[in-house]
Structure formats: structure tokens, C-alpha cells
Amino acid sequence: MMRLNVFLLLGLNAFSAEASISANASIVINEIAYTGASINTEDSCNGADWVEFYNKGFESVNLTGFILHDDNGKDEVSSHTFSDVSMEAGDYLVLCKDEAFGFNVGAADTLTLLDADGESISSVQLEGRVTANVTYAMFDTFKYTAEPTPGRDNNFSMPPALDVSDLFVESIDCGAGISACANTGNCFSHSGDVCQVDGSVASDSCLISQRLCQRCFPYSRCGGGLVLDDNSGVFALGQNCGAGLELCANTDYCFDHSEGFCQNDGSMGSDECKSVQTLCTRCYPDSRCGGATPSTAGIFSTSASESSGATTMVSSRVLAMIMAGLWMAL
């Protein structure tokens, strides 16, 4: 009988421990206002960073001894240890920077919630975006939302498109020798009145910067010329590009604005691509190196020797066709 009582007692203790772990795990990080989000409403910490927690379980959880920390770990003075606070089922709790935790929530930070036993029960890594009035919140997965909801149910609203047109990129094409270009982002930004839709610059003071620094701003239409989601490399078999020119479909990279071969003035920065440009130009009506009229003609004059590192590559597709004499069949 005593042995049975011992087993029952051990079983009850194990069940109690499992129940406690299960209850603790119901507390999750639910929404984050990171540095730069600048949410400034009556219920959102007046512009400071904040972290919202949610009890998704069915019972009350005491958070005493729980710890919230960032990438620097739980032992940093900036981490937050919860005192005597409980969350009922379905409750939300918002902690404000400085009033609770001391760290800045970086755009690519990882936040972790530990229970009183030091077990990680919720961890979220942000994706690096910095946009005003946008938070990182839990839905089916974590997403950025343009409708912050501190202390209440999350509500998804599509955030504005991320504009990286003024992003300075130091690379082989834009080396440390022209690091001063890092301060000319205003000349390449799509959000101002300087960089025009057609790729021209409506500012005399930016013309020199544009010619010198264009390769340092690959996401600007006034810079490297990369236009996201364009159709420049789309092969169009039709009236102007008949069935006899189907081999031109293999030269799409020569006409694609993002590959580095098609220059901003409509010329080709590669001898291999130059050899097919005249023949295939009608098959790429949306490329400035194809049927489209280059909107930036006369502004840029990038020679083959100055073109991007991609132009030094020899295309195996074009080279193979040329060597095999396939062009003679057209």
C-alpha cells in the first residue's frame, strides 16, 4: 500500500511539473515595436520601443522570475526580470523600454522570454526592416503590419513598400575609394523630388554625384538602374520577334536590367552580348537594350571597361551558340 502511495505521489508531482511547464509556455511574445518604428499613441509607450505578451492558454500564469532579454543575453543589466505579475487567460501585457527593459530593440534583434526555471518559452527574431508606424506581430507567422495594436488583438494591414532606393552598397563596383558617395543618398532616393521616374535627376547639384556614384546605389533608377519586378528580361515571341528568332530566348540575361550587361544608356557592356543585341533587340520590347527607348540616354555613359563585374563574365549560352554556328540557321 505504501509503495502505491509513493507512486501516486511521484505521479502527481510529475503531472504538476508538466502542467506548470505547459502553462508557462502559453505566454508568448505577440507584437514588437522596434527602434525606428516610432509608434506614438496614447497606449503605446509614447514613441519608445515596446514588447507585447499574450496568454494564449486557458489558465492564469504568474510571471514572477520570468526574464525578457535581447541578443546580449539574460545576464545583461538591460534585460527585464518580472516581479509579482500574473496574466489571466487571453490577457495582453505591454512592456515599455526604460519603464521595464533597458535595451533598444534592434531591427534585426532576437527577443527571448525565459520562464522562472530559465527555459526559453518564446523567441522572436526580427527581419531587419525599419519603417515608421510598422510593428512586427504574430498572425499565422510573424509579419510586419501597418496597424500597431498594443494591448489588443493583432490586426494585419499591409505596410508600405520598402524603399531601398537610397541604400549605399559598397561592393567591387563601388569601392572604398568613393566612400564619399555614402552621403549622396538624397540624389538617388525615389521618395524625394530629385530622382525622377525616367531616371533623370532634377537637380544640378546631383548630376556630378549621379555620374560618379551611380554604381553605389544599385536599387535606384537614378543609380545602378536595378528596377525590381520589371520585364526587361522577358522574351516576347510575337509579330516583331518571329519563330525564326527563338534562340534569342536564351539571351535574356543580356537584356535584363538587373544582370549588369545592359547599360543605362542602352548599350551592352559585354562583347558577347553586343554580338546578339542587333539580332535580338525586337524580342525584348521592355528592355532599354532591346525594343524600348532608353529613358536615361545621354545621362549615363558607362563604357565596357567601367561596367559592372558581371560584364566580365563570358556567357556559356551565347558563346556555345556562336561557336556552334547556330546563328547561321536563322
Foldseek 3Di string as FASTA:
>chain_A
DVVVVVVVVVVVVVVVVVVLVVQVLQKEWFKWDAPQQQDADPPAQRRFIKIKIFRQDQAKHWQQQKKKDKPVDRPDPQIFGDHGDMAGHGWMDMDGDPNTGPDGHAQQMKMFIAGNVRHTSYIDGHDRDRDYQWMFGADVHTDIANHDDHGDDDDHHDDDDDWCQLPFADDPLHHPVVVVLNPVSVCFGPPDDAQDPLLHGPDPVCLVSLAVRQQRRCDGCVHLNDDPPFQQLPFADDDQHHPQNVLCNVVSLCRHSNQFQQHLQLHGLAPLSNVCLVVRQSRRCRGCVHVDPRSCHPSYDAHSVSTDPSRVDDDPSSVVCVVVVVVVSD
